[in-house]
PDB file of N, CA and C in Angstrom:
ATOM      1  N   UNK A   1     -20.179 -32.708  15.421  1.00  0.00           N
ATOM      2  CA  UNK A   1     -20.174 -31.617  14.446  1.00  0.00           C
ATOM      3  C   UNK A   1     -20.450 -30.305  15.151  1.00  0.00           C
ATOM      4  N   UNK A   2     -19.498 -29.485  14.821  1.00  0.00           N
ATOM      5  CA  UNK A   2     -19.621 -28.012  15.429  1.00  0.00           C
ATOM      6  C   UNK A   2     -20.609 -27.228  14.659  1.00  0.00           C
ATOM      7  N   UNK A   3     -21.400 -26.470  15.246  1.00  0.00           N
ATOM      8  CA  UNK A   3     -22.279 -25.433  14.812  1.00  0.00           C
ATOM      9  C   UNK A   3     -21.538 -24.287  14.221  1.00  0.00           C
ATOM     10  N   UNK A   4     -21.857 -23.882  13.082  1.00  0.00           N
ATOM     11  CA  UNK A   4     -21.285 -22.693  12.624  1.00  0.00           C
ATOM     12  C   UNK A   4     -21.510 -21.397  13.559  1.00  0.00           C
ATOM     13  N   UNK A   5     -20.554 -20.593  13.696  1.00  0.00           N
ATOM     14  CA  UNK A   5     -20.827 -19.485  14.491  1.00  0.00           C
ATOM     15  C   UNK A   5     -21.466 -18.351  13.607  1.00  0.00           C
ATOM     16  N   UNK A   6     -22.328 -17.597  14.224  1.00  0.00           N
ATOM     17  CA  UNK A   6     -22.969 -16.433  13.574  1.00  0.00           C
ATOM     18  C   UNK A   6     -21.918 -15.262  13.390  1.00  0.00           C
ATOM     19  N   UNK A   7     -22.129 -14.405  12.304  1.00  0.00           N
ATOM     20  CA  UNK A   7     -21.250 -13.295  12.164  1.00  0.00           C
ATOM     21  C   UNK A   7     -21.028 -12.366  13.287  1.00  0.00           C
ATOM     22  N   UNK A   8     -21.972 -12.391  14.038  1.00  0.00           N
ATOM     23  CA  UNK A   8     -21.774 -11.402  15.479  1.00  0.00           C
ATOM     24  C   UNK A   8     -20.960 -12.026  16.342  1.00  0.00           C
ATOM     25  N   UNK A   9     -21.056 -13.374  16.502  1.00  0.00           N
ATOM     26  CA  UNK A   9     -20.196 -14.011  17.411  1.00  0.00           C
ATOM     27  C   UNK A   9     -18.907 -14.088  16.936  1.00  0.00           C
ATOM     28  N   UNK A  10     -18.561 -14.247  15.638  1.00  0.00           N
ATOM     29  CA  UNK A  10     -17.229 -14.297  15.091  1.00  0.00           C
ATOM     30  C   UNK A  10     -16.655 -12.966  15.203  1.00  0.00           C
ATOM     31  N   UNK A  11     -17.324 -11.796  15.161  1.00  0.00           N
ATOM     32  CA  UNK A  11     -16.908 -10.406  15.372  1.00  0.00           C
ATOM     33  C   UNK A  11     -16.601  -9.943  16.535  1.00  0.00           C
ATOM     34  N   UNK A  12     -17.046 -10.609  17.572  1.00  0.00           N
ATOM     35  CA  UNK A  12     -16.814 -10.011  19.085  1.00  0.00           C
ATOM     36  C   UNK A  12     -15.447 -10.179  19.526  1.00  0.00           C
ATOM     37  N   UNK A  13     -14.739 -11.329  19.394  1.00  0.00           N
ATOM     38  CA  UNK A  13     -13.280 -11.469  19.682  1.00  0.00           C
ATOM     39  C   UNK A  13     -12.513 -10.465  18.558  1.00  0.00           C
ATOM     40  N   UNK A  14     -12.906 -10.468  17.438  1.00  0.00           N
ATOM     41  CA  UNK A  14     -12.251  -9.619  16.568  1.00  0.00           C
ATOM     42  C   UNK A  14     -12.300  -8.213  16.873  1.00  0.00           C
ATOM     43  N   UNK A  15     -13.505  -7.792  17.251  1.00  0.00           N
ATOM     44  CA  UNK A  15     -13.707  -6.408  17.750  1.00  0.00           C
ATOM     45  C   UNK A  15     -12.884  -6.010  18.859  1.00  0.00           C
ATOM     46  N   UNK A  16     -12.491  -6.871  19.763  1.00  0.00           N
ATOM     47  CA  UNK A  16     -11.690  -6.501  21.020  1.00  0.00           C
ATOM     48  C   UNK A  16     -10.227  -6.371  20.417  1.00  0.00           C
ATOM     49  N   UNK A  17      -9.754  -7.180  19.641  1.00  0.00           N
ATOM     50  CA  UNK A  17      -8.454  -7.106  19.148  1.00  0.00           C
ATOM     51  C   UNK A  17      -8.153  -5.912  18.187  1.00  0.00           C
ATOM     52  N   UNK A  18      -9.256  -5.550  17.482  1.00  0.00           N
ATOM     53  CA  UNK A  18      -9.239  -4.359  16.768  1.00  0.00           C
ATOM     54  C   UNK A  18      -9.199  -3.240  17.599  1.00  0.00           C
ATOM     55  N   UNK A  19      -9.892  -3.266  18.676  1.00  0.00           N
ATOM     56  CA  UNK A  19      -9.898  -2.037  19.618  1.00  0.00           C
ATOM     57  C   UNK A  19      -8.386  -1.962  20.239  1.00  0.00           C
ATOM     58  N   UNK A  20      -7.846  -2.944  20.566  1.00  0.00           N
ATOM     59  CA  UNK A  20      -6.354  -3.043  21.039  1.00  0.00           C
ATOM     60  C   UNK A  20      -5.511  -2.499  20.084  1.00  0.00           C
ATOM     61  N   UNK A  21      -5.644  -2.805  18.733  1.00  0.00           N
ATOM     62  CA  UNK A  21      -4.834  -2.240  17.740  1.00  0.00           C
ATOM     63  C   UNK A  21      -5.024  -0.797  17.462  1.00  0.00           C
ATOM     64  N   UNK A  22      -6.497  -0.347  17.544  1.00  0.00           N
ATOM     65  CA  UNK A  22      -6.754   1.032  17.362  1.00  0.00           C
ATOM     66  C   UNK A  22      -6.015   1.841  18.550  1.00  0.00           C
ATOM     67  N   UNK A  23      -6.231   1.364  19.595  1.00  0.00           N
ATOM     68  CA  UNK A  23      -5.503   2.219  20.837  1.00  0.00           C
ATOM     69  C   UNK A  23      -4.050   2.290  20.720  1.00  0.00           C
ATOM     70  N   UNK A  24      -3.487   1.224  20.349  1.00  0.00           N
ATOM     71  CA  UNK A  24      -1.879   1.027  20.204  1.00  0.00           C
ATOM     72  C   UNK A  24      -1.535   2.027  19.089  1.00  0.00           C
ATOM     73  N   UNK A  25      -2.163   2.110  17.963  1.00  0.00           N
ATOM     74  CA  UNK A  25      -1.842   3.108  16.828  1.00  0.00           C
ATOM     75  C   UNK A  25      -2.122   4.578  17.487  1.00  0.00           C
ATOM     76  N   UNK A  26      -3.218   4.739  18.252  1.00  0.00           N
ATOM     77  CA  UNK A  26      -3.509   6.071  18.697  1.00  0.00           C
ATOM     78  C   UNK A  26      -2.287   6.614  19.817  1.00  0.00           C
ATOM     79  N   UNK A  27      -1.756   5.664  20.454  1.00  0.00           N
ATOM     80  CA  UNK A  27      -0.629   6.077  21.408  1.00  0.00           C
ATOM     81  C   UNK A  27       0.504   6.521  20.575  1.00  0.00           C
ATOM     82  N   UNK A  28       0.728   6.001  19.427  1.00  0.00           N
ATOM     83  CA  UNK A  28       1.857   6.403  18.485  1.00  0.00           C
ATOM     84  C   UNK A  28       1.365   7.697  17.758  1.00  0.00           C
ATOM     85  N   UNK A  29       0.140   7.766  17.657  1.00  0.00           N
ATOM     86  CA  UNK A  29      -0.246   9.070  16.864  1.00  0.00           C
ATOM     87  C   UNK A  29      -0.147   8.735  15.234  1.00  0.00           C
ATOM     88  N   UNK A  30      -0.127   7.504  14.812  1.00  0.00           N
ATOM     89  CA  UNK A  30      -0.012   7.334  13.366  1.00  0.00           C
ATOM     90  C   UNK A  30      -1.200   6.472  12.905  1.00  0.00           C
ATOM     91  N   UNK A  31      -2.074   7.153  12.020  1.00  0.00           N
ATOM     92  CA  UNK A  31      -3.279   6.532  11.668  1.00  0.00           C
ATOM     93  C   UNK A  31      -3.777   7.232  10.291  1.00  0.00           C
ATOM     94  N   UNK A  32      -4.120   6.317   9.370  1.00  0.00           N
ATOM     95  CA  UNK A  32      -4.854   6.744   8.049  1.00  0.00           C
ATOM     96  C   UNK A  32      -6.113   7.160   8.405  1.00  0.00           C
ATOM     97  N   UNK A  33      -6.748   8.124   7.767  1.00  0.00           N
ATOM     98  CA  UNK A  33      -8.191   8.768   8.086  1.00  0.00           C
ATOM     99  C   UNK A  33      -9.169   7.743   7.604  1.00  0.00           C
ATOM    100  N   UNK A  34      -8.700   6.922   6.518  1.00  0.00           N
ATOM    101  CA  UNK A  34      -9.791   5.938   6.135  1.00  0.00           C
ATOM    102  C   UNK A  34      -9.937   4.797   7.322  1.00  0.00           C
ATOM    103  N   UNK A  35      -8.741   4.441   7.716  1.00  0.00           N
ATOM    104  CA  UNK A  35      -8.883   3.439   8.810  1.00  0.00           C
ATOM    105  C   UNK A  35      -9.403   3.746   9.993  1.00  0.00           C
ATOM    106  N   UNK A  36      -9.251   5.043  10.376  1.00  0.00           N
ATOM    107  CA  UNK A  36      -9.751   5.745  11.573  1.00  0.00           C
ATOM    108  C   UNK A  36     -11.411   5.832  11.471  1.00  0.00           C
ATOM    109  N   UNK A  37     -11.821   6.100  10.356  1.00  0.00           N
ATOM    110  CA  UNK A  37     -13.261   6.101  10.091  1.00  0.00           C
ATOM    111  C   UNK A  37     -13.772   4.655  10.226  1.00  0.00           C
ATOM    112  N   UNK A  38     -13.115   3.581   9.723  1.00  0.00           N
ATOM    113  CA  UNK A  38     -13.568   2.475   9.643  1.00  0.00           C
ATOM    114  C   UNK A  38     -13.702   1.877  11.183  1.00  0.00           C
ATOM    115  N   UNK A  39     -12.561   2.297  11.899  1.00  0.00           N
ATOM    116  CA  UNK A  39     -12.483   1.762  13.489  1.00  0.00           C
ATOM    117  C   UNK A  39     -13.721   2.491  14.194  1.00  0.00           C
ATOM    118  N   UNK A  40     -13.985   3.714  13.811  1.00  0.00           N
ATOM    119  CA  UNK A  40     -15.073   4.334  14.524  1.00  0.00           C
ATOM    120  C   UNK A  40     -16.445   3.471  14.324  1.00  0.00           C
ATOM    121  N   UNK A  41     -16.633   3.011  13.271  1.00  0.00           N
ATOM    122  CA  UNK A  41     -17.685   2.303  12.984  1.00  0.00           C
ATOM    123  C   UNK A  41     -17.922   0.939  13.554  1.00  0.00           C
ATOM    124  N   UNK A  42     -16.675   0.374  13.838  1.00  0.00           N
ATOM    125  CA  UNK A  42     -16.562  -1.127  14.391  1.00  0.00           C
ATOM    126  C   UNK A  42     -16.348  -1.285  15.720  1.00  0.00           C
ATOM    127  N   UNK A  43     -15.696  -0.542  16.454  1.00  0.00           N
ATOM    128  CA  UNK A  43     -15.158  -0.774  17.804  1.00  0.00           C
ATOM    129  C   UNK A  43     -16.238  -0.354  18.787  1.00  0.00           C
ATOM    130  N   UNK A  44     -16.163  -0.940  19.891  1.00  0.00           N
ATOM    131  CA  UNK A  44     -17.094  -0.592  21.076  1.00  0.00           C
ATOM    132  C   UNK A  44     -16.389   0.396  21.951  1.00  0.00           C
ATOM    133  N   UNK A  45     -17.170   1.588  22.135  1.00  0.00           N
ATOM    134  CA  UNK A  45     -16.461   2.687  22.909  1.00  0.00           C
ATOM    135  C   UNK A  45     -16.014   2.321  24.404  1.00  0.00           C
ATOM    136  N   UNK A  46     -16.748   1.405  24.930  1.00  0.00           N
ATOM    137  CA  UNK A  46     -16.465   0.987  26.284  1.00  0.00           C
ATOM    138  C   UNK A  46     -15.167   0.209  26.202  1.00  0.00           C
ATOM    139  N   UNK A  47     -14.871  -0.674  25.188  1.00  0.00           N
ATOM    140  CA  UNK A  47     -13.661  -1.241  25.085  1.00  0.00           C
ATOM    141  C   UNK A  47     -12.589  -0.358  24.771  1.00  0.00           C
ATOM    142  N   UNK A  48     -12.803   0.692  24.154  1.00  0.00           N
ATOM    143  CA  UNK A  48     -11.805   1.703  23.903  1.00  0.00           C
ATOM    144  C   UNK A  48     -11.181   2.399  25.100  1.00  0.00           C
ATOM    145  N   UNK A  49     -12.321   2.794  25.972  1.00  0.00           N
ATOM    146  CA  UNK A  49     -11.839   3.284  27.388  1.00  0.00           C
ATOM    147  C   UNK A  49     -11.001   2.411  28.165  1.00  0.00           C
ATOM    148  N   UNK A  50     -11.573   1.124  28.204  1.00  0.00           N
ATOM    149  CA  UNK A  50     -10.782   0.188  29.096  1.00  0.00           C
ATOM    150  C   UNK A  50      -9.541  -0.113  28.591  1.00  0.00           C
ATOM    151  N   UNK A  51      -9.362  -0.266  27.282  1.00  0.00           N
ATOM    152  CA  UNK A  51      -8.019  -0.541  26.686  1.00  0.00           C
ATOM    153  C   UNK A  51      -6.979   0.606  26.833  1.00  0.00           C
ATOM    154  N   UNK A  52      -7.711   1.790  26.681  1.00  0.00           N
ATOM    155  CA  UNK A  52      -6.881   2.938  26.911  1.00  0.00           C
ATOM    156  C   UNK A  52      -6.328   3.099  28.244  1.00  0.00           C
ATOM    157  N   UNK A  53      -7.133   2.880  29.190  1.00  0.00           N
ATOM    158  CA  UNK A  53      -6.773   3.027  30.708  1.00  0.00           C
ATOM    159  C   UNK A  53      -5.668   2.105  30.987  1.00  0.00           C
ATOM    160  N   UNK A  54      -5.870   0.782  30.536  1.00  0.00           N
ATOM    161  CA  UNK A  54      -4.912  -0.431  30.827  1.00  0.00           C
ATOM    162  C   UNK A  54      -3.464   0.015  30.063  1.00  0.00           C
ATOM    163  N   UNK A  55      -3.685   0.481  28.634  1.00  0.00           N
ATOM    164  CA  UNK A  55      -2.451   0.954  28.027  1.00  0.00           C
ATOM    165  C   UNK A  55      -1.688   1.975  28.624  1.00  0.00           C
ATOM    166  N   UNK A  56      -2.400   2.988  29.253  1.00  0.00           N
ATOM    167  CA  UNK A  56      -1.880   4.154  29.837  1.00  0.00           C
ATOM    168  C   UNK A  56      -0.995   3.697  31.146  1.00  0.00           C
ATOM    169  N   UNK A  57      -1.750   2.696  31.923  1.00  0.00           N
ATOM    170  CA  UNK A  57      -1.154   2.150  33.132  1.00  0.00           C
ATOM    171  C   UNK A  57       0.288   1.439  32.753  1.00  0.00           C
ATOM    172  N   UNK A  58       0.151   0.609  31.831  1.00  0.00           N
ATOM    173  CA  UNK A  58       1.224  -0.165  31.265  1.00  0.00           C
ATOM    174  C   UNK A  58       2.425   0.834  30.675  1.00  0.00           C
ATOM    175  N   UNK A  59       2.204   1.730  30.082  1.00  0.00           N
ATOM    176  CA  UNK A  59       3.031   2.771  29.610  1.00  0.00           C
ATOM    177  C   UNK A  59       3.831   3.378  30.893  1.00  0.00           C
ATOM    178  N   UNK A  60       3.020   3.814  31.872  1.00  0.00           N
ATOM    179  CA  UNK A  60       3.666   4.408  33.023  1.00  0.00           C
ATOM    180  C   UNK A  60       4.442   3.464  33.649  1.00  0.00           C
ATOM    181  N   UNK A  61       4.099   2.216  33.970  1.00  0.00           N
ATOM    182  CA  UNK A  61       4.903   1.409  34.519  1.00  0.00           C
ATOM    183  C   UNK A  61       6.142   1.068  33.894  1.00  0.00           C
ATOM    184  N   UNK A  62       5.989   0.930  32.411  1.00  0.00           N
ATOM    185  CA  UNK A  62       7.254   0.701  31.765  1.00  0.00           C
ATOM    186  C   UNK A  62       8.169   1.920  31.787  1.00  0.00           C
ATOM    187  N   UNK A  63       7.677   3.031  31.841  1.00  0.00           N
ATOM    188  CA  UNK A  63       8.558   4.344  31.930  1.00  0.00           C
ATOM    189  C   UNK A  63       9.307   4.361  33.344  1.00  0.00           C
ATOM    190  N   UNK A  64       8.502   4.129  34.377  1.00  0.00           N
ATOM    191  CA  UNK A  64       9.115   4.020  35.829  1.00  0.00           C
ATOM    192  C   UNK A  64      10.094   3.089  36.055  1.00  0.00           C
ATOM    193  N   UNK A  65       9.845   1.787  35.173  1.00  0.00           N
ATOM    194  CA  UNK A  65      10.845   0.714  35.375  1.00  0.00           C
ATOM    195  C   UNK A  65      11.986   1.103  34.639  1.00  0.00           C
ATOM    196  N   UNK A  66      12.015   1.632  33.428  1.00  0.00           N
ATOM    197  CA  UNK A  66      13.268   2.161  32.755  1.00  0.00           C
ATOM    198  C   UNK A  66      14.129   3.153  33.611  1.00  0.00           C
ATOM    199  N   UNK A  67      13.162   4.146  34.171  1.00  0.00           N
ATOM    200  CA  UNK A  67      13.867   5.346  34.942  1.00  0.00           C
ATOM    201  C   UNK A  67      14.729   4.608  36.085  1.00  0.00           C
ATOM    202  N   UNK A  68      13.985   3.680  36.914  1.00  0.00           N
ATOM    203  CA  UNK A  68      14.701   3.089  37.809  1.00  0.00           C
ATOM    204  C   UNK A  68      15.951   2.188  37.398  1.00  0.00           C
ATOM    205  N   UNK A  69      15.802   1.569  36.510  1.00  0.00           N
ATOM    206  CA  UNK A  69      16.959   0.870  35.826  1.00  0.00           C
ATOM    207  C   UNK A  69      17.955   1.847  35.475  1.00  0.00           C
ATOM    208  N   UNK A  70      17.768   2.777  34.869  1.00  0.00           N
ATOM    209  CA  UNK A  70      18.886   3.957  34.365  1.00  0.00           C
ATOM    210  C   UNK A  70      19.495   4.419  35.563  1.00  0.00           C
ATOM    211  N   UNK A  71      18.707   4.775  36.706  1.00  0.00           N
ATOM    212  CA  UNK A  71      19.350   5.575  37.813  1.00  0.00           C
ATOM    213  C   UNK A  71      19.944   4.608  38.928  1.00  0.00           C
ATOM    214  N   UNK A  72      19.594   3.231  38.898  1.00  0.00           N
ATOM    215  CA  UNK A  72      20.026   2.452  39.912  1.00  0.00           C
ATOM    216  C   UNK A  72      21.526   2.355  39.933  1.00  0.00           C
ATOM    217  N   UNK A  73      22.170   2.162  41.052  1.00  0.00           N
ATOM    218  CA  UNK A  73      23.595   2.246  41.234  1.00  0.00           C
ATOM    219  C   UNK A  73      24.354   0.993  40.673  1.00  0.00           C
TER     220      UNK A  73
END
């Protein structure tokens, strides 16, 4: 019989994916003010920084790959 998870344990994984979604929307620059305020209350600032750095690196790698593909002979 599995023990029920606490609310905090259930929210941990959810918080990380919420952070990923928040950073993805911020890259696009599209966000409702009400959702922005809700995210500020729920996400971990350290997660935001880490996901933002990883997202920026992935974006740069994608742009470099597309540029090389377009310019390749």
